Amino acid sequence: MAARKSSEPLKKIQPSGKKDVDFFTQVYAVVRQIPKGRVTSYGAIANALGIKSSARMVGWAMNSAHNLKPSIPAHRVLNRQGLLTGKMHFGSPTRMQELLEKEGIKIKNDQVVDLKNHFWDPLVELSLHQ
């Protein structure tokens, strides 16, 4: 799938390791830019931030996002196979699926159908090649 650029200005994302930038803040900056009707993975976000092996940390950031910032579309972040592994953090077991389906993403057995066409790679979409 060809890269689609967001119409809104891209926020500056700095690779991890910068002393003045908090990791969770970097994750949230990426997640806020996932367009409606698209999804990404914990690993893709970690890779875009230059810390490929930190997908689990991205998951922790998403878990914290539910309590801190309702403006962060955490429902658009899945595991690498498109499974709704974070669904237990949405108040009800079906809320994450409901939010995705409202955006036109079909879910079957807690997994995104046609993940390839809905996948948003922040490394490509935000031009974060390092």
N, C-alpha and C. Protein backbone atom coordinates (compact mmCIF):
# COMPACT_ATOMS: atom_id res chain seq x y z
N MET A 1 0.84 -1.18 0.00
CA MET A 1 0.00 0.00 0.00
C MET A 1 0.89 1.24 0.00
N ALA A 2 0.54 2.19 -0.81
CA ALA A 2 1.33 3.42 -0.88
C ALA A 2 1.14 4.24 0.38
N ALA A 3 2.17 4.95 0.74
CA ALA A 3 2.12 5.80 1.93
C ALA A 3 1.13 6.94 1.71
N ARG A 4 0.29 7.18 2.70
CA ARG A 4 -0.64 8.30 2.63
C ARG A 4 -0.22 9.31 3.67
N LYS A 5 -0.03 10.51 3.25
CA LYS A 5 0.37 11.59 4.16
C LYS A 5 -0.85 12.23 4.77
N SER A 6 -0.77 12.52 6.03
CA SER A 6 -1.84 13.21 6.73
C SER A 6 -1.91 14.64 6.23
N SER A 7 -3.11 15.21 6.20
CA SER A 7 -3.25 16.59 5.74
C SER A 7 -2.85 17.59 6.82
N GLU A 8 -2.83 17.15 8.08
CA GLU A 8 -2.42 18.07 9.13
C GLU A 8 -0.90 18.06 9.25
N PRO A 9 -0.32 19.16 9.69
CA PRO A 9 1.13 19.22 9.81
C PRO A 9 1.65 18.14 10.75
N LEU A 10 2.74 17.53 10.37
CA LEU A 10 3.32 16.48 11.19
C LEU A 10 4.03 17.08 12.39
N LYS A 11 3.83 16.45 13.51
CA LYS A 11 4.52 16.89 14.71
C LYS A 11 5.95 16.39 14.66
N LYS A 12 6.83 17.10 15.29
CA LYS A 12 8.22 16.66 15.34
C LYS A 12 8.33 15.48 16.29
N ILE A 13 8.88 14.40 15.80
CA ILE A 13 9.12 13.22 16.60
C ILE A 13 10.62 13.04 16.66
N GLN A 14 11.15 12.92 17.86
CA GLN A 14 12.58 12.73 18.02
C GLN A 14 12.87 11.29 18.37
N PRO A 15 13.93 10.72 17.79
CA PRO A 15 14.29 9.35 18.17
C PRO A 15 14.54 9.26 19.67
N SER A 16 14.26 8.08 20.20
CA SER A 16 14.44 7.87 21.63
C SER A 16 15.89 8.11 22.04
N GLY A 17 16.09 8.44 23.30
CA GLY A 17 17.43 8.67 23.80
C GLY A 17 17.72 10.13 24.07
N LYS A 18 16.86 11.01 23.59
CA LYS A 18 17.04 12.44 23.86
C LYS A 18 16.69 12.70 25.32
N LYS A 19 17.56 13.35 26.05
CA LYS A 19 17.35 13.57 27.48
C LYS A 19 16.13 14.44 27.78
N ASP A 20 15.79 15.33 26.88
CA ASP A 20 14.71 16.26 27.17
C ASP A 20 13.33 15.79 26.69
N VAL A 21 13.24 14.58 26.16
CA VAL A 21 11.97 14.09 25.65
C VAL A 21 11.61 12.78 26.34
N ASP A 22 10.45 12.74 26.95
CA ASP A 22 9.95 11.56 27.64
C ASP A 22 9.46 10.53 26.61
N PHE A 23 9.76 9.26 26.85
CA PHE A 23 9.37 8.20 25.91
C PHE A 23 7.86 8.15 25.70
N PHE A 24 7.08 8.16 26.77
CA PHE A 24 5.63 8.10 26.61
C PHE A 24 5.12 9.28 25.79
N THR A 25 5.69 10.44 25.98
CA THR A 25 5.29 11.62 25.22
C THR A 25 5.55 11.41 23.73
N GLN A 26 6.68 10.79 23.41
CA GLN A 26 6.99 10.49 22.01
C GLN A 26 5.98 9.51 21.43
N VAL A 27 5.65 8.48 22.20
CA VAL A 27 4.67 7.49 21.75
C VAL A 27 3.33 8.17 21.49
N TYR A 28 2.88 9.00 22.42
CA TYR A 28 1.60 9.68 22.26
C TYR A 28 1.60 10.61 21.04
N ALA A 29 2.71 11.23 20.76
CA ALA A 29 2.81 12.12 19.59
C ALA A 29 2.62 11.33 18.30
N VAL A 30 3.13 10.12 18.26
CA VAL A 30 2.95 9.27 17.08
C VAL A 30 1.50 8.79 17.01
N VAL A 31 0.97 8.29 18.11
CA VAL A 31 -0.38 7.72 18.12
C VAL A 31 -1.44 8.76 17.75
N ARG A 32 -1.25 9.99 18.17
CA ARG A 32 -2.22 11.06 17.81
C ARG A 32 -2.31 11.27 16.31
N GLN A 33 -1.32 10.83 15.57
CA GLN A 33 -1.30 11.06 14.12
C GLN A 33 -1.83 9.89 13.30
N ILE A 34 -2.23 8.81 13.97
CA ILE A 34 -2.81 7.69 13.24
C ILE A 34 -4.18 8.13 12.72
N PRO A 35 -4.38 8.10 11.42
CA PRO A 35 -5.66 8.57 10.87
C PRO A 35 -6.82 7.63 11.24
N LYS A 36 -8.02 8.16 11.25
CA LYS A 36 -9.21 7.34 11.45
C LYS A 36 -9.24 6.28 10.36
N GLY A 37 -9.66 5.09 10.75
CA GLY A 37 -9.76 4.00 9.78
C GLY A 37 -8.45 3.29 9.51
N ARG A 38 -7.42 3.64 10.25
CA ARG A 38 -6.10 3.01 10.10
C ARG A 38 -5.65 2.51 11.47
N VAL A 39 -4.76 1.54 11.48
CA VAL A 39 -4.21 0.99 12.71
C VAL A 39 -2.70 0.80 12.56
N THR A 40 -2.03 0.67 13.69
CA THR A 40 -0.61 0.37 13.67
C THR A 40 -0.33 -0.60 14.81
N SER A 41 0.94 -0.97 14.95
CA SER A 41 1.30 -1.93 16.00
C SER A 41 2.25 -1.29 17.00
N TYR A 42 2.33 -1.92 18.16
CA TYR A 42 3.25 -1.47 19.19
C TYR A 42 4.68 -1.47 18.63
N GLY A 43 5.03 -2.53 17.93
CA GLY A 43 6.37 -2.65 17.36
C GLY A 43 6.67 -1.61 16.30
N ALA A 44 5.69 -1.27 15.48
CA ALA A 44 5.90 -0.25 14.44
C ALA A 44 6.18 1.11 15.07
N ILE A 45 5.49 1.41 16.16
CA ILE A 45 5.74 2.67 16.86
C ILE A 45 7.14 2.67 17.46
N ALA A 46 7.50 1.58 18.12
CA ALA A 46 8.84 1.47 18.72
C ALA A 46 9.92 1.61 17.64
N ASN A 47 9.72 0.96 16.51
CA ASN A 47 10.68 1.04 15.41
C ASN A 47 10.80 2.46 14.89
N ALA A 48 9.67 3.15 14.76
CA ALA A 48 9.69 4.53 14.26
C ALA A 48 10.44 5.46 15.22
N LEU A 49 10.41 5.13 16.50
CA LEU A 49 11.09 5.96 17.49
C LEU A 49 12.55 5.55 17.68
N GLY A 50 12.98 4.57 16.91
CA GLY A 50 14.39 4.17 16.94
C GLY A 50 14.75 3.19 18.04
N ILE A 51 13.75 2.56 18.62
CA ILE A 51 14.01 1.56 19.67
C ILE A 51 13.19 0.31 19.36
N LYS A 52 13.57 -0.34 18.30
CA LYS A 52 12.84 -1.46 17.72
C LYS A 52 12.41 -2.53 18.73
N SER A 53 13.23 -2.77 19.73
CA SER A 53 12.94 -3.85 20.67
C SER A 53 12.07 -3.42 21.86
N SER A 54 11.45 -2.27 21.79
CA SER A 54 10.68 -1.75 22.92
C SER A 54 9.17 -1.73 22.69
N ALA A 55 8.66 -2.70 21.96
CA ALA A 55 7.21 -2.76 21.71
C ALA A 55 6.43 -2.86 23.02
N ARG A 56 6.97 -3.59 23.98
CA ARG A 56 6.28 -3.75 25.26
C ARG A 56 6.15 -2.40 25.99
N MET A 57 7.18 -1.57 25.89
CA MET A 57 7.12 -0.23 26.49
C MET A 57 6.03 0.62 25.84
N VAL A 58 5.86 0.46 24.53
CA VAL A 58 4.79 1.17 23.84
C VAL A 58 3.44 0.70 24.39
N GLY A 59 3.33 -0.59 24.64
CA GLY A 59 2.11 -1.12 25.25
C GLY A 59 1.83 -0.51 26.61
N TRP A 60 2.87 -0.35 27.41
CA TRP A 60 2.70 0.29 28.72
C TRP A 60 2.25 1.74 28.55
N ALA A 61 2.80 2.42 27.56
CA ALA A 61 2.39 3.80 27.30
C ALA A 61 0.91 3.84 26.90
N MET A 62 0.47 2.88 26.09
CA MET A 62 -0.94 2.84 25.68
C MET A 62 -1.84 2.56 26.88
N ASN A 63 -1.40 1.69 27.76
CA ASN A 63 -2.17 1.40 28.97
C ASN A 63 -2.32 2.67 29.82
N SER A 64 -1.27 3.43 29.95
CA SER A 64 -1.32 4.68 30.71
C SER A 64 -2.16 5.75 30.02
N ALA A 65 -2.22 5.70 28.72
CA ALA A 65 -2.95 6.72 27.94
C ALA A 65 -4.44 6.73 28.27
N HIS A 66 -4.99 5.60 28.63
CA HIS A 66 -6.44 5.53 28.91
C HIS A 66 -6.82 6.40 30.09
N ASN A 67 -5.95 6.50 31.05
CA ASN A 67 -6.24 7.29 32.25
C ASN A 67 -5.85 8.75 32.10
N LEU A 68 -4.92 9.04 31.22
CA LEU A 68 -4.36 10.39 31.13
C LEU A 68 -4.98 11.25 30.05
N LYS A 69 -5.10 10.71 28.87
CA LYS A 69 -5.42 11.55 27.73
C LYS A 69 -6.48 10.92 26.83
N PRO A 70 -7.72 11.37 26.93
CA PRO A 70 -8.74 10.82 26.04
C PRO A 70 -8.51 11.18 24.57
N SER A 71 -7.64 12.14 24.31
CA SER A 71 -7.37 12.54 22.92
C SER A 71 -6.41 11.59 22.21
N ILE A 72 -5.90 10.59 22.90
CA ILE A 72 -4.98 9.64 22.29
C ILE A 72 -5.79 8.44 21.80
N PRO A 73 -5.83 8.20 20.49
CA PRO A 73 -6.63 7.10 19.95
C PRO A 73 -5.94 5.74 20.14
N ALA A 74 -5.84 5.31 21.39
CA ALA A 74 -5.15 4.07 21.74
C ALA A 74 -5.80 2.85 21.10
N HIS A 75 -7.07 2.94 20.74
CA HIS A 75 -7.76 1.80 20.12
C HIS A 75 -7.18 1.46 18.75
N ARG A 76 -6.40 2.35 18.17
CA ARG A 76 -5.79 2.12 16.85
C ARG A 76 -4.44 1.42 16.93
N VAL A 77 -4.02 1.04 18.12
CA VAL A 77 -2.72 0.37 18.31
C VAL A 77 -2.97 -1.08 18.70
N LEU A 78 -2.43 -1.99 17.90
CA LEU A 78 -2.67 -3.43 18.03
C LEU A 78 -1.35 -4.18 18.12
N ASN A 79 -1.44 -5.50 18.27
CA ASN A 79 -0.21 -6.27 18.19
C ASN A 79 0.13 -6.49 16.71
N ARG A 80 1.25 -7.08 16.43
CA ARG A 80 1.74 -7.18 15.05
C ARG A 80 0.86 -8.04 14.14
N GLN A 81 0.02 -8.90 14.72
CA GLN A 81 -0.88 -9.72 13.92
C GLN A 81 -2.26 -9.09 13.77
N GLY A 82 -2.43 -7.90 14.33
CA GLY A 82 -3.72 -7.23 14.23
C GLY A 82 -4.71 -7.64 15.30
N LEU A 83 -4.23 -8.29 16.35
CA LEU A 83 -5.10 -8.70 17.45
C LEU A 83 -5.35 -7.55 18.42
N LEU A 84 -6.55 -7.50 18.95
CA LEU A 84 -6.93 -6.46 19.90
C LEU A 84 -6.44 -6.83 21.30
N THR A 85 -5.15 -6.91 21.48
CA THR A 85 -4.57 -7.36 22.74
C THR A 85 -4.77 -6.37 23.88
N GLY A 86 -5.05 -5.12 23.58
CA GLY A 86 -5.25 -4.11 24.62
C GLY A 86 -6.70 -3.90 24.99
N LYS A 87 -7.60 -4.75 24.50
CA LYS A 87 -9.04 -4.52 24.68
C LYS A 87 -9.49 -4.48 26.14
N MET A 88 -8.76 -5.12 27.03
CA MET A 88 -9.16 -5.15 28.43
C MET A 88 -9.00 -3.80 29.13
N HIS A 89 -8.35 -2.86 28.47
CA HIS A 89 -8.11 -1.54 29.07
C HIS A 89 -9.13 -0.48 28.62
N PHE A 90 -10.20 -0.91 27.97
CA PHE A 90 -11.16 0.05 27.43
C PHE A 90 -12.49 0.10 28.18
N GLY A 91 -12.53 -0.40 29.39
CA GLY A 91 -13.75 -0.30 30.19
C GLY A 91 -14.73 -1.43 29.98
N SER A 92 -14.81 -1.96 28.77
CA SER A 92 -15.63 -3.14 28.49
C SER A 92 -14.88 -3.98 27.46
N PRO A 93 -15.12 -5.27 27.44
CA PRO A 93 -14.37 -6.15 26.53
C PRO A 93 -14.64 -5.88 25.05
N THR A 94 -15.70 -5.15 24.74
CA THR A 94 -16.03 -4.90 23.34
C THR A 94 -15.77 -3.46 22.89
N ARG A 95 -15.40 -2.58 23.80
CA ARG A 95 -15.27 -1.15 23.47
C ARG A 95 -14.22 -0.88 22.40
N MET A 96 -13.06 -1.52 22.47
CA MET A 96 -12.01 -1.30 21.47
C MET A 96 -12.52 -1.69 20.08
N GLN A 97 -13.17 -2.84 19.99
CA GLN A 97 -13.73 -3.29 18.72
C GLN A 97 -14.79 -2.32 18.21
N GLU A 98 -15.65 -1.85 19.11
CA GLU A 98 -16.70 -0.90 18.72
C GLU A 98 -16.10 0.38 18.13
N LEU A 99 -15.04 0.89 18.76
CA LEU A 99 -14.39 2.11 18.27
C LEU A 99 -13.79 1.89 16.88
N LEU A 100 -13.15 0.75 16.69
CA LEU A 100 -12.55 0.46 15.38
C LEU A 100 -13.62 0.26 14.31
N GLU A 101 -14.68 -0.45 14.65
CA GLU A 101 -15.74 -0.68 13.68
C GLU A 101 -16.45 0.62 13.31
N LYS A 102 -16.54 1.54 14.25
CA LYS A 102 -17.13 2.85 13.98
C LYS A 102 -16.31 3.60 12.93
N GLU A 103 -15.02 3.29 12.86
CA GLU A 103 -14.12 3.92 11.87
C GLU A 103 -14.03 3.11 10.58
N GLY A 104 -14.85 2.06 10.45
CA GLY A 104 -14.90 1.28 9.21
C GLY A 104 -13.95 0.09 9.16
N ILE A 105 -13.38 -0.29 10.28
CA ILE A 105 -12.46 -1.43 10.31
C ILE A 105 -13.23 -2.65 10.78
N LYS A 106 -13.21 -3.69 9.97
CA LYS A 106 -13.92 -4.92 10.31
C LYS A 106 -13.05 -5.78 11.24
N ILE A 107 -13.69 -6.32 12.28
CA ILE A 107 -13.02 -7.16 13.27
C ILE A 107 -13.70 -8.52 13.28
N LYS A 108 -12.90 -9.57 13.29
CA LYS A 108 -13.44 -10.92 13.42
C LYS A 108 -12.57 -11.69 14.41
N ASN A 109 -13.18 -12.25 15.43
CA ASN A 109 -12.45 -13.00 16.47
C ASN A 109 -11.32 -12.17 17.08
N ASP A 110 -11.63 -10.92 17.42
CA ASP A 110 -10.67 -10.01 18.05
C ASP A 110 -9.46 -9.70 17.18
N GLN A 111 -9.62 -9.77 15.86
CA GLN A 111 -8.51 -9.48 14.95
C GLN A 111 -9.01 -8.64 13.78
N VAL A 112 -8.19 -7.67 13.37
CA VAL A 112 -8.54 -6.82 12.23
C VAL A 112 -8.53 -7.65 10.95
N VAL A 113 -9.62 -7.56 10.21
CA VAL A 113 -9.71 -8.22 8.92
C VAL A 113 -9.01 -7.32 7.90
N ASP A 114 -8.22 -7.90 7.04
CA ASP A 114 -7.49 -7.17 6.01
C ASP A 114 -6.54 -6.14 6.61
N LEU A 115 -5.73 -6.59 7.56
CA LEU A 115 -4.78 -5.72 8.26
C LEU A 115 -3.87 -4.97 7.29
N LYS A 116 -3.45 -5.63 6.23
CA LYS A 116 -2.52 -5.01 5.28
C LYS A 116 -3.07 -3.69 4.72
N ASN A 117 -4.35 -3.64 4.44
CA ASN A 117 -4.93 -2.43 3.87
C ASN A 117 -5.26 -1.35 4.90
N HIS A 118 -5.28 -1.72 6.16
CA HIS A 118 -5.56 -0.74 7.21
C HIS A 118 -4.31 -0.31 7.97
N PHE A 119 -3.19 -0.99 7.70
CA PHE A 119 -1.98 -0.74 8.49
C PHE A 119 -1.35 0.60 8.14
N TRP A 120 -0.98 1.33 9.16
CA TRP A 120 -0.33 2.64 9.05
C TRP A 120 1.04 2.51 9.69
N ASP A 121 2.08 2.64 8.89
CA ASP A 121 3.45 2.51 9.38
C ASP A 121 4.02 3.89 9.66
N PRO A 122 4.20 4.25 10.93
CA PRO A 122 4.67 5.60 11.24
C PRO A 122 6.05 5.90 10.68
N LEU A 123 6.89 4.91 10.53
CA LEU A 123 8.22 5.14 9.98
C LEU A 123 8.12 5.66 8.55
N VAL A 124 7.18 5.12 7.80
CA VAL A 124 6.96 5.54 6.41
C VAL A 124 6.10 6.79 6.35
N GLU A 125 4.98 6.76 7.03
CA GLU A 125 4.00 7.85 6.93
C GLU A 125 4.52 9.17 7.48
N LEU A 126 5.34 9.12 8.51
CA LEU A 126 5.87 10.35 9.11
C LEU A 126 7.28 10.66 8.63
N SER A 127 7.77 9.88 7.68
CA SER A 127 9.12 10.08 7.14
C SER A 127 10.16 10.15 8.23
N LEU A 128 10.18 9.14 9.08
CA LEU A 128 11.12 9.11 10.21
C LEU A 128 12.31 8.22 9.93
N HIS A 129 12.61 7.97 8.68
CA HIS A 129 13.75 7.10 8.33
C HIS A 129 15.00 7.64 8.99
N GLN A 130 15.74 6.73 9.61
CA GLN A 130 16.92 7.17 10.34
C GLN A 130 18.17 6.70 9.67
